[in-house]
PDB file of N, CA and C in Angstrom:
ATOM      1  N   UNK A   1     109.249 131.301  81.439  1.00  0.00           N
ATOM      2  CA  UNK A   1     109.358 131.538  82.857  1.00  0.00           C
ATOM      3  C   UNK A   1     110.222 132.765  83.078  1.00  0.00           C
ATOM      4  N   UNK A   2     109.757 133.663  83.865  1.00  0.00           N
ATOM      5  CA  UNK A   2     110.497 134.894  84.123  1.00  0.00           C
ATOM      6  C   UNK A   2     111.216 134.774  85.458  1.00  0.00           C
ATOM      7  N   UNK A   3     112.517 135.019  85.432  1.00  0.00           N
ATOM      8  CA  UNK A   3     113.327 135.006  86.640  1.00  0.00           C
ATOM      9  C   UNK A   3     113.292 136.398  87.235  1.00  0.00           C
ATOM     10  N   UNK A   4     113.253 136.465  88.558  1.00  0.00           N
ATOM     11  CA  UNK A   4     113.206 137.767  89.212  1.00  0.00           C
ATOM     12  C   UNK A   4     114.408 138.604  88.776  1.00  0.00           C
ATOM     13  N   UNK A   5     114.157 139.825  88.403  1.00  0.00           N
ATOM     14  CA  UNK A   5     115.221 140.719  87.959  1.00  0.00           C
ATOM     15  C   UNK A   5     115.534 140.607  86.475  1.00  0.00           C
ATOM     16  N   UNK A   6     114.890 139.684  85.786  1.00  0.00           N
ATOM     17  CA  UNK A   6     115.128 139.489  84.353  1.00  0.00           C
ATOM     18  C   UNK A   6     113.936 140.044  83.581  1.00  0.00           C
ATOM     19  N   UNK A   7     114.228 140.841  82.600  1.00  0.00           N
ATOM     20  CA  UNK A   7     113.162 141.411  81.778  1.00  0.00           C
ATOM     21  C   UNK A   7     112.559 140.336  80.893  1.00  0.00           C
ATOM     22  N   UNK A   8     111.252 140.453  80.679  1.00  0.00           N
ATOM     23  CA  UNK A   8     110.568 139.509  79.807  1.00  0.00           C
ATOM     24  C   UNK A   8     111.100 139.663  78.385  1.00  0.00           C
ATOM     25  N   UNK A   9     111.361 138.545  77.742  1.00  0.00           N
ATOM     26  CA  UNK A   9     111.841 138.576  76.368  1.00  0.00           C
ATOM     27  C   UNK A   9     113.352 138.548  76.247  1.00  0.00           C
ATOM     28  N   UNK A  10     114.071 138.641  77.343  1.00  0.00           N
ATOM     29  CA  UNK A  10     115.523 138.564  77.274  1.00  0.00           C
ATOM     30  C   UNK A  10     115.967 137.151  77.610  1.00  0.00           C
ATOM     31  N   UNK A  11     117.114 136.777  77.088  1.00  0.00           N
ATOM     32  CA  UNK A  11     117.653 135.452  77.326  1.00  0.00           C
ATOM     33  C   UNK A  11     118.832 135.551  78.265  1.00  0.00           C
ATOM     34  N   UNK A  12     118.981 134.531  79.098  1.00  0.00           N
ATOM     35  CA  UNK A  12     120.151 134.467  79.963  1.00  0.00           C
ATOM     36  C   UNK A  12     121.350 134.037  79.122  1.00  0.00           C
ATOM     37  N   UNK A  13     122.528 134.197  79.673  1.00  0.00           N
ATOM     38  CA  UNK A  13     123.731 133.773  78.957  1.00  0.00           C
ATOM     39  C   UNK A  13     123.707 132.261  78.706  1.00  0.00           C
ATOM     40  N   UNK A  14     123.194 131.521  79.653  1.00  0.00           N
ATOM     41  CA  UNK A  14     123.081 130.072  79.482  1.00  0.00           C
ATOM     42  C   UNK A  14     122.153 129.744  78.316  1.00  0.00           C
ATOM     43  N   UNK A  15     121.016 130.411  78.245  1.00  0.00           N
ATOM     44  CA  UNK A  15     120.069 130.169  77.157  1.00  0.00           C
ATOM     45  C   UNK A  15     120.671 130.548  75.802  1.00  0.00           C
ATOM     46  N   UNK A  16     121.428 131.616  75.776  1.00  0.00           N
ATOM     47  CA  UNK A  16     122.086 132.035  74.529  1.00  0.00           C
ATOM     48  C   UNK A  16     123.070 130.964  74.081  1.00  0.00           C
ATOM     49  N   UNK A  17     123.879 130.465  75.014  1.00  0.00           N
ATOM     50  CA  UNK A  17     124.853 129.436  74.654  1.00  0.00           C
ATOM     51  C   UNK A  17     124.161 128.139  74.246  1.00  0.00           C
ATOM     52  N   UNK A  18     123.065 127.787  74.910  1.00  0.00           N
ATOM     53  CA  UNK A  18     122.311 126.596  74.515  1.00  0.00           C
ATOM     54  C   UNK A  18     121.777 126.747  73.092  1.00  0.00           C
ATOM     55  N   UNK A  19     121.284 127.934  72.778  1.00  0.00           N
ATOM     56  CA  UNK A  19     120.782 128.207  71.434  1.00  0.00           C
ATOM     57  C   UNK A  19     121.914 128.148  70.413  1.00  0.00           C
ATOM     58  N   UNK A  20     123.057 128.710  70.763  1.00  0.00           N
ATOM     59  CA  UNK A  20     124.213 128.679  69.861  1.00  0.00           C
ATOM     60  C   UNK A  20     124.667 127.246  69.609  1.00  0.00           C
ATOM     61  N   UNK A  21     124.728 126.442  70.659  1.00  0.00           N
ATOM     62  CA  UNK A  21     125.158 125.056  70.504  1.00  0.00           C
ATOM     63  C   UNK A  21     124.175 124.272  69.633  1.00  0.00           C
ATOM     64  N   UNK A  22     122.906 124.491  69.859  1.00  0.00           N
ATOM     65  CA  UNK A  22     121.885 123.832  69.042  1.00  0.00           C
ATOM     66  C   UNK A  22     122.015 124.234  67.574  1.00  0.00           C
ATOM     67  N   UNK A  23     122.248 125.511  67.333  1.00  0.00           N
ATOM     68  CA  UNK A  23     122.428 126.000  65.961  1.00  0.00           C
ATOM     69  C   UNK A  23     123.668 125.398  65.317  1.00  0.00           C
ATOM     70  N   UNK A  24     124.734 125.272  66.080  1.00  0.00           N
ATOM     71  CA  UNK A  24     125.970 124.679  65.544  1.00  0.00           C
ATOM     72  C   UNK A  24     125.753 123.221  65.170  1.00  0.00           C
ATOM     73  N   UNK A  25     125.013 122.492  65.999  1.00  0.00           N
ATOM     74  CA  UNK A  25     124.726 121.090  65.688  1.00  0.00           C
ATOM     75  C   UNK A  25     123.930 120.983  64.392  1.00  0.00           C
ATOM     76  N   UNK A  26     122.942 121.839  64.241  1.00  0.00           N
ATOM     77  CA  UNK A  26     122.115 121.855  63.033  1.00  0.00           C
ATOM     78  C   UNK A  26     122.963 122.187  61.803  1.00  0.00           C
ATOM     79  N   UNK A  27     123.783 123.224  61.919  1.00  0.00           N
ATOM     80  CA  UNK A  27     124.639 123.652  60.811  1.00  0.00           C
ATOM     81  C   UNK A  27     125.616 122.551  60.424  1.00  0.00           C
ATOM     82  N   UNK A  28     126.249 121.930  61.424  1.00  0.00           N
ATOM     83  CA  UNK A  28     127.217 120.862  61.150  1.00  0.00           C
ATOM     84  C   UNK A  28     126.557 119.672  60.463  1.00  0.00           C
ATOM     85  N   UNK A  29     125.371 119.313  60.914  1.00  0.00           N
ATOM     86  CA  UNK A  29     124.665 118.185  60.297  1.00  0.00           C
ATOM     87  C   UNK A  29     124.358 118.473  58.830  1.00  0.00           C
ATOM     88  N   UNK A  30     123.904 119.684  58.544  1.00  0.00           N
ATOM     89  CA  UNK A  30     123.600 120.032  57.157  1.00  0.00           C
ATOM     90  C   UNK A  30     124.854 120.093  56.300  1.00  0.00           C
ATOM     91  N   UNK A  31     125.912 120.701  56.806  1.00  0.00           N
ATOM     92  CA  UNK A  31     127.159 120.770  56.038  1.00  0.00           C
ATOM     93  C   UNK A  31     127.720 119.376  55.776  1.00  0.00           C
ATOM     94  N   UNK A  32     127.560 118.479  56.735  1.00  0.00           N
ATOM     95  CA  UNK A  32     128.017 117.110  56.545  1.00  0.00           C
ATOM     96  C   UNK A  32     127.265 116.452  55.388  1.00  0.00           C
ATOM     97  N   UNK A  33     125.963 116.664  55.332  1.00  0.00           N
ATOM     98  CA  UNK A  33     125.158 116.120  54.241  1.00  0.00           C
ATOM     99  C   UNK A  33     125.565 116.739  52.908  1.00  0.00           C
ATOM    100  N   UNK A  34     125.720 118.052  52.884  1.00  0.00           N
ATOM    101  CA  UNK A  34     126.107 118.739  51.641  1.00  0.00           C
ATOM    102  C   UNK A  34     127.446 118.210  51.129  1.00  0.00           C
ATOM    103  N   UNK A  35     128.419 118.073  52.037  1.00  0.00           N
ATOM    104  CA  UNK A  35     129.751 117.604  51.628  1.00  0.00           C
ATOM    105  C   UNK A  35     129.691 116.163  51.124  1.00  0.00           C
ATOM    106  N   UNK A  36     128.908 115.342  51.783  1.00  0.00           N
ATOM    107  CA  UNK A  36     128.824 113.933  51.403  1.00  0.00           C
ATOM    108  C   UNK A  36     128.092 113.698  50.096  1.00  0.00           C
ATOM    109  N   UNK A  37     127.236 114.622  49.710  1.00  0.00           N
ATOM    110  CA  UNK A  37     126.425 114.430  48.505  1.00  0.00           C
ATOM    111  C   UNK A  37     126.766 115.427  47.409  1.00  0.00           C
ATOM    112  N   UNK A  38     127.959 115.980  47.469  1.00  0.00           N
ATOM    113  CA  UNK A  38     128.375 116.999  46.508  1.00  0.00           C
ATOM    114  C   UNK A  38     129.117 116.354  45.331  1.00  0.00           C
ATOM    115  N   UNK A  39     128.746 116.724  44.130  1.00  0.00           N
ATOM    116  CA  UNK A  39     129.377 116.161  42.934  1.00  0.00           C
ATOM    117  C   UNK A  39     130.726 116.826  42.669  1.00  0.00           C
ATOM    118  N   UNK A  40     130.826 118.095  42.915  1.00  0.00           N
ATOM    119  CA  UNK A  40     132.048 118.850  42.650  1.00  0.00           C
ATOM    120  C   UNK A  40     133.060 118.660  43.776  1.00  0.00           C
ATOM    121  N   UNK A  41     134.250 118.167  43.428  1.00  0.00           N
ATOM    122  CA  UNK A  41     135.306 117.985  44.431  1.00  0.00           C
ATOM    123  C   UNK A  41     135.731 119.320  45.041  1.00  0.00           C
ATOM    124  N   UNK A  42     135.768 120.362  44.234  1.00  0.00           N
ATOM    125  CA  UNK A  42     136.162 121.676  44.739  1.00  0.00           C
ATOM    126  C   UNK A  42     135.134 122.189  45.759  1.00  0.00           C
ATOM    127  N   UNK A  43     133.869 122.025  45.451  1.00  0.00           N
ATOM    128  CA  UNK A  43     132.817 122.446  46.361  1.00  0.00           C
ATOM    129  C   UNK A  43     132.806 121.568  47.620  1.00  0.00           C
ATOM    130  N   UNK A  44     133.023 120.249  47.437  1.00  0.00           N
ATOM    131  CA  UNK A  44     133.095 119.343  48.590  1.00  0.00           C
ATOM    132  C   UNK A  44     134.213 119.772  49.531  1.00  0.00           C
ATOM    133  N   UNK A  45     135.338 120.098  48.976  1.00  0.00           N
ATOM    134  CA  UNK A  45     136.472 120.540  49.786  1.00  0.00           C
ATOM    135  C   UNK A  45     136.134 121.815  50.565  1.00  0.00           C
ATOM    136  N   UNK A  46     135.448 122.729  49.910  1.00  0.00           N
ATOM    137  CA  UNK A  46     135.037 123.968  50.584  1.00  0.00           C
ATOM    138  C   UNK A  46     134.077 123.658  51.726  1.00  0.00           C
ATOM    139  N   UNK A  47     133.110 122.766  51.490  1.00  0.00           N
ATOM    140  CA  UNK A  47     132.174 122.382  52.551  1.00  0.00           C
ATOM    141  C   UNK A  47     132.918 121.741  53.724  1.00  0.00           C
ATOM    142  N   UNK A  48     133.886 120.877  53.415  1.00  0.00           N
ATOM    143  CA  UNK A  48     134.637 120.215  54.477  1.00  0.00           C
ATOM    144  C   UNK A  48     135.461 121.212  55.289  1.00  0.00           C
ATOM    145  N   UNK A  49     136.021 122.214  54.642  1.00  0.00           N
ATOM    146  CA  UNK A  49     136.766 123.247  55.365  1.00  0.00           C
ATOM    147  C   UNK A  49     135.841 124.042  56.288  1.00  0.00           C
ATOM    148  N   UNK A  50     134.669 124.380  55.776  1.00  0.00           N
ATOM    149  CA  UNK A  50     133.693 125.107  56.590  1.00  0.00           C
ATOM    150  C   UNK A  50     133.228 124.215  57.738  1.00  0.00           C
ATOM    151  N   UNK A  51     132.996 122.942  57.457  1.00  0.00           N
ATOM    152  CA  UNK A  51     132.552 122.001  58.479  1.00  0.00           C
ATOM    153  C   UNK A  51     133.582 121.895  59.599  1.00  0.00           C
ATOM    154  N   UNK A  52     134.853 121.868  59.240  1.00  0.00           N
ATOM    155  CA  UNK A  52     135.916 121.829  60.248  1.00  0.00           C
ATOM    156  C   UNK A  52     135.849 123.063  61.143  1.00  0.00           C
ATOM    157  N   UNK A  53     135.665 124.226  60.541  1.00  0.00           N
ATOM    158  CA  UNK A  53     135.529 125.464  61.328  1.00  0.00           C
ATOM    159  C   UNK A  53     134.315 125.390  62.253  1.00  0.00           C
ATOM    160  N   UNK A  54     133.208 124.888  61.733  1.00  0.00           N
ATOM    161  CA  UNK A  54     131.986 124.796  62.533  1.00  0.00           C
ATOM    162  C   UNK A  54     132.156 123.839  63.710  1.00  0.00           C
ATOM    163  N   UNK A  55     132.889 122.737  63.495  1.00  0.00           N
ATOM    164  CA  UNK A  55     133.158 121.800  64.594  1.00  0.00           C
ATOM    165  C   UNK A  55     133.997 122.466  65.675  1.00  0.00           C
ATOM    166  N   UNK A  56     134.949 123.286  65.273  1.00  0.00           N
ATOM    167  CA  UNK A  56     135.773 123.999  66.266  1.00  0.00           C
ATOM    168  C   UNK A  56     134.916 124.972  67.072  1.00  0.00           C
ATOM    169  N   UNK A  57     134.025 125.675  66.406  1.00  0.00           N
ATOM    170  CA  UNK A  57     133.126 126.610  67.093  1.00  0.00           C
ATOM    171  C   UNK A  57     132.230 125.838  68.060  1.00  0.00           C
ATOM    172  N   UNK A  58     131.678 124.727  67.595  1.00  0.00           N
ATOM    173  CA  UNK A  58     130.809 123.904  68.438  1.00  0.00           C
ATOM    174  C   UNK A  58     131.574 123.422  69.669  1.00  0.00           C
ATOM    175  N   UNK A  59     132.796 122.971  69.486  1.00  0.00           N
ATOM    176  CA  UNK A  59     133.603 122.506  70.614  1.00  0.00           C
ATOM    177  C   UNK A  59     133.893 123.643  71.592  1.00  0.00           C
ATOM    178  N   UNK A  60     134.157 124.826  71.077  1.00  0.00           N
ATOM    179  CA  UNK A  60     134.396 125.985  71.950  1.00  0.00           C
ATOM    180  C   UNK A  60     133.169 126.297  72.792  1.00  0.00           C
ATOM    181  N   UNK A  61     132.006 126.271  72.172  1.00  0.00           N
ATOM    182  CA  UNK A  61     130.761 126.544  72.903  1.00  0.00           C
ATOM    183  C   UNK A  61     130.529 125.465  73.956  1.00  0.00           C
ATOM    184  N   UNK A  62     130.697 124.208  73.555  1.00  0.00           N
ATOM    185  CA  UNK A  62     130.521 123.100  74.496  1.00  0.00           C
ATOM    186  C   UNK A  62     131.479 123.238  75.678  1.00  0.00           C
ATOM    187  N   UNK A  63     132.748 123.506  75.393  1.00  0.00           N
ATOM    188  CA  UNK A  63     133.740 123.628  76.466  1.00  0.00           C
ATOM    189  C   UNK A  63     133.398 124.776  77.408  1.00  0.00           C
ATOM    190  N   UNK A  64     132.920 125.889  76.859  1.00  0.00           N
ATOM    191  CA  UNK A  64     132.524 127.026  77.682  1.00  0.00           C
ATOM    192  C   UNK A  64     131.354 126.642  78.586  1.00  0.00           C
ATOM    193  N   UNK A  65     130.358 125.993  78.013  1.00  0.00           N
ATOM    194  CA  UNK A  65     129.198 125.584  78.804  1.00  0.00           C
ATOM    195  C   UNK A  65     129.596 124.558  79.866  1.00  0.00           C
ATOM    196  N   UNK A  66     130.422 123.622  79.489  1.00  0.00           N
ATOM    197  CA  UNK A  66     130.858 122.587  80.417  1.00  0.00           C
ATOM    198  C   UNK A  66     131.647 123.185  81.580  1.00  0.00           C
ATOM    199  N   UNK A  67     132.515 124.145  81.287  1.00  0.00           N
ATOM    200  CA  UNK A  67     133.328 124.754  82.341  1.00  0.00           C
ATOM    201  C   UNK A  67     132.480 125.548  83.329  1.00  0.00           C
ATOM    202  N   UNK A  68     131.308 125.998  82.893  1.00  0.00           N
ATOM    203  CA  UNK A  68     130.392 126.742  83.760  1.00  0.00           C
ATOM    204  C   UNK A  68     129.382 125.835  84.458  1.00  0.00           C
ATOM    205  N   UNK A  69     129.450 124.539  84.166  1.00  0.00           N
ATOM    206  CA  UNK A  69     128.512 123.594  84.756  1.00  0.00           C
ATOM    207  C   UNK A  69     127.157 123.583  84.083  1.00  0.00           C
ATOM    208  N   UNK A  70     127.078 124.157  82.882  1.00  0.00           N
ATOM    209  CA  UNK A  70     125.811 124.251  82.154  1.00  0.00           C
ATOM    210  C   UNK A  70     125.595 123.089  81.204  1.00  0.00           C
ATOM    211  N   UNK A  71     126.588 122.234  81.057  1.00  0.00           N
ATOM    212  CA  UNK A  71     126.481 121.042  80.213  1.00  0.00           C
ATOM    213  C   UNK A  71     127.212 119.920  80.944  1.00  0.00           C
ATOM    214  N   UNK A  72     126.585 119.424  82.009  1.00  0.00           N
ATOM    215  CA  UNK A  72     127.261 118.387  82.798  1.00  0.00           C
ATOM    216  C   UNK A  72     127.352 117.072  82.023  1.00  0.00           C
ATOM    217  N   UNK A  73     128.451 116.416  82.184  1.00  0.00           N
ATOM    218  CA  UNK A  73     128.655 115.111  81.558  1.00  0.00           C
ATOM    219  C   UNK A  73     129.072 114.111  82.624  1.00  0.00           C
ATOM    220  N   UNK A  74     128.780 112.860  82.371  1.00  0.00           N
ATOM    221  CA  UNK A  74     129.160 111.787  83.279  1.00  0.00           C
ATOM    222  C   UNK A  74     130.416 111.110  82.743  1.00  0.00           C
ATOM    223  N   UNK A  75     131.338 110.753  83.634  1.00  0.00           N
ATOM    224  CA  UNK A  75     132.501 109.983  83.163  1.00  0.00           C
ATOM    225  C   UNK A  75     132.033 108.637  82.615  1.00  0.00           C
ATOM    226  N   UNK A  76     132.721 108.176  81.614  1.00  0.00           N
ATOM    227  CA  UNK A  76     132.359 106.901  81.000  1.00  0.00           C
ATOM    228  C   UNK A  76     132.660 105.745  81.951  1.00  0.00           C
ATOM    229  N   UNK A  77     131.764 104.803  82.001  1.00  0.00           N
ATOM    230  CA  UNK A  77     131.942 103.598  82.798  1.00  0.00           C
ATOM    231  C   UNK A  77     132.988 102.719  82.109  1.00  0.00           C
ATOM    232  N   UNK A  78     134.038 102.348  82.833  1.00  0.00           N
ATOM    233  CA  UNK A  78     135.147 101.601  82.234  1.00  0.00           C
ATOM    234  C   UNK A  78     134.708 100.238  81.687  1.00  0.00           C
ATOM    235  N   UNK A  79     133.774  99.593  82.366  1.00  0.00           N
ATOM    236  CA  UNK A  79     133.284  98.301  81.883  1.00  0.00           C
ATOM    237  C   UNK A  79     132.557  98.465  80.553  1.00  0.00           C
ATOM    238  N   UNK A  80     131.753  99.509  80.432  1.00  0.00           N
ATOM    239  CA  UNK A  80     131.052  99.764  79.178  1.00  0.00           C
ATOM    240  C   UNK A  80     132.039 100.111  78.073  1.00  0.00           C
ATOM    241  N   UNK A  81     133.080 100.874  78.403  1.00  0.00           N
ATOM    242  CA  UNK A  81     134.109 101.203  77.404  1.00  0.00           C
ATOM    243  C   UNK A  81     134.770  99.939  76.871  1.00  0.00           C
ATOM    244  N   UNK A  82     135.120  99.034  77.754  1.00  0.00           N
ATOM    245  CA  UNK A  82     135.755  97.789  77.332  1.00  0.00           C
ATOM    246  C   UNK A  82     134.821  96.964  76.446  1.00  0.00           C
ATOM    247  N   UNK A  83     133.544  96.966  76.802  1.00  0.00           N
ATOM    248  CA  UNK A  83     132.564  96.221  76.013  1.00  0.00           C
ATOM    249  C   UNK A  83     132.440  96.815  74.610  1.00  0.00           C
ATOM    250  N   UNK A  84     132.413  98.142  74.503  1.00  0.00           N
ATOM    251  CA  UNK A  84     132.331  98.799  73.197  1.00  0.00           C
ATOM    252  C   UNK A  84     133.597  98.516  72.387  1.00  0.00           C
ATOM    253  N   UNK A  85     134.752  98.562  73.036  1.00  0.00           N
ATOM    254  CA  UNK A  85     136.015  98.264  72.345  1.00  0.00           C
ATOM    255  C   UNK A  85     136.009  96.847  71.790  1.00  0.00           C
ATOM    256  N   UNK A  86     135.518  95.912  72.573  1.00  0.00           N
ATOM    257  CA  UNK A  86     135.469  94.524  72.121  1.00  0.00           C
ATOM    258  C   UNK A  86     134.475  94.352  70.973  1.00  0.00           C
ATOM    259  N   UNK A  87     133.354  95.040  71.076  1.00  0.00           N
ATOM    260  CA  UNK A  87     132.319  94.895  70.056  1.00  0.00           C
ATOM    261  C   UNK A  87     132.717  95.559  68.758  1.00  0.00           C
ATOM    262  N   UNK A  88     133.241  96.776  68.829  1.00  0.00           N
ATOM    263  CA  UNK A  88     133.500  97.561  67.619  1.00  0.00           C
ATOM    264  C   UNK A  88     134.984  97.703  67.284  1.00  0.00           C
ATOM    265  N   UNK A  89     135.845  97.268  68.157  1.00  0.00           N
ATOM    266  CA  UNK A  89     137.281  97.441  67.947  1.00  0.00           C
ATOM    267  C   UNK A  89     137.792  96.747  66.704  1.00  0.00           C
ATOM    268  N   UNK A  90     137.234  95.616  66.381  1.00  0.00           N
ATOM    269  CA  UNK A  90     137.690  94.888  65.192  1.00  0.00           C
ATOM    270  C   UNK A  90     137.177  95.493  63.906  1.00  0.00           C
ATOM    271  N   UNK A  91     136.166  96.359  63.988  1.00  0.00           N
ATOM    272  CA  UNK A  91     135.601  96.969  62.793  1.00  0.00           C
ATOM    273  C   UNK A  91     136.336  98.234  62.391  1.00  0.00           C
ATOM    274  N   UNK A  92     137.198  98.727  63.234  1.00  0.00           N
ATOM    275  CA  UNK A  92     137.901  99.988  62.945  1.00  0.00           C
ATOM    276  C   UNK A  92     139.202  99.739  62.242  1.00  0.00           C
TER     277      UNK A  92
END
Protein backbone atom coordinates (compact mmCIF):
# COMPACT_ATOMS: atom_id res chain seq x y z
CA UNK A 1 0.00 0.00 0.00
CA UNK A 2 1.43 3.34 -0.98
CA UNK A 3 0.88 6.28 1.35
CA UNK A 4 0.51 9.68 -0.26
CA UNK A 5 3.89 11.38 -0.37
CA UNK A 6 5.76 8.10 0.14
CA UNK A 7 7.84 6.68 -2.67
CA UNK A 8 7.10 3.14 -3.74
CA UNK A 9 9.60 0.69 -2.28
CA UNK A 10 10.50 2.78 0.75
CA UNK A 11 9.65 1.80 4.29
CA UNK A 12 8.27 4.03 6.99
CA UNK A 13 10.13 4.34 10.27
CA UNK A 14 7.43 2.23 11.90
CA UNK A 15 7.88 -0.53 9.32
CA UNK A 16 11.65 -0.43 9.78
CA UNK A 17 11.30 -0.80 13.55
CA UNK A 18 8.75 -3.61 13.12
CA UNK A 19 11.20 -5.40 10.84
CA UNK A 20 14.05 -4.84 13.30
CA UNK A 21 11.99 -6.19 16.19
CA UNK A 22 10.97 -9.24 14.19
CA UNK A 23 14.61 -9.87 13.27
CA UNK A 24 15.69 -9.54 16.90
CA UNK A 25 13.07 -12.09 17.97
CA UNK A 26 14.30 -14.51 15.31
CA UNK A 27 17.95 -13.98 16.25
CA UNK A 28 17.26 -14.39 19.98
CA UNK A 29 15.31 -17.60 19.42
CA UNK A 30 18.14 -19.10 17.38
CA UNK A 31 20.86 -18.02 19.81
CA UNK A 32 18.84 -19.52 22.64
CA UNK A 33 18.73 -22.85 20.81
CA UNK A 34 22.45 -22.71 19.98
CA UNK A 35 23.37 -21.95 23.60
CA UNK A 36 21.12 -24.68 24.97
CA UNK A 37 22.46 -27.35 22.63
CA UNK A 38 26.13 -26.42 22.65
CA UNK A 39 28.66 -29.01 23.83
CA UNK A 40 31.48 -26.53 24.44
CA UNK A 41 31.11 -24.52 27.65
CA UNK A 42 33.29 -21.75 26.22
CA UNK A 43 31.13 -21.49 23.11
CA UNK A 44 27.93 -21.69 25.21
CA UNK A 45 29.17 -18.80 27.30
CA UNK A 46 29.88 -16.77 24.18
CA UNK A 47 26.38 -17.49 22.83
CA UNK A 48 24.84 -16.47 26.16
CA UNK A 49 26.78 -13.19 26.17
CA UNK A 50 25.62 -12.44 22.63
CA UNK A 51 22.07 -13.44 23.57
CA UNK A 52 22.13 -10.98 26.47
CA UNK A 53 23.20 -8.21 24.08
CA UNK A 54 20.46 -9.18 21.63
CA UNK A 55 17.82 -9.07 24.39
CA UNK A 56 18.95 -5.55 25.30
CA UNK A 57 18.67 -4.47 21.66
CA UNK A 58 15.23 -6.07 21.39
CA UNK A 59 14.08 -4.29 24.55
CA UNK A 60 15.38 -0.96 23.22
CA UNK A 61 13.46 -1.41 19.97
CA UNK A 62 10.31 -2.46 21.83
CA UNK A 63 10.56 0.51 24.21
CA UNK A 64 11.04 2.90 21.29
CA UNK A 65 8.03 1.50 19.46
CA UNK A 66 5.92 1.48 22.61
CA UNK A 67 6.78 5.10 23.43
CA UNK A 68 5.62 6.11 19.93
CA UNK A 69 2.37 4.17 20.26
CA UNK A 70 3.45 1.68 17.59
CA UNK A 71 3.36 -1.32 19.93
CA UNK A 72 0.37 -0.81 22.20
CA UNK A 73 0.04 -3.08 25.19
CA UNK A 74 -2.81 -3.67 27.59
CA UNK A 75 -2.31 -3.51 31.35
CA UNK A 76 -2.52 -6.91 32.95
CA UNK A 77 -5.81 -7.81 34.58
CA UNK A 78 -5.15 -8.12 38.33
CA UNK A 79 -7.51 -11.08 38.72
CA UNK A 80 -5.71 -12.97 35.96
CA UNK A 81 -2.34 -12.13 37.55
CA UNK A 82 -3.48 -13.57 40.87
CA UNK A 83 -4.75 -16.70 39.13
CA UNK A 84 -1.40 -17.20 37.35
CA UNK A 85 0.48 -16.65 40.63
CA UNK A 86 -1.66 -19.26 42.35
CA UNK A 87 -1.31 -21.73 39.50
CA UNK A 88 2.42 -21.36 38.83
CA UNK A 89 3.72 -19.70 41.99
CA UNK A 90 4.46 -22.98 43.70
CA UNK A 91 6.45 -24.23 40.71
CA UNK A 92 8.98 -21.40 40.84
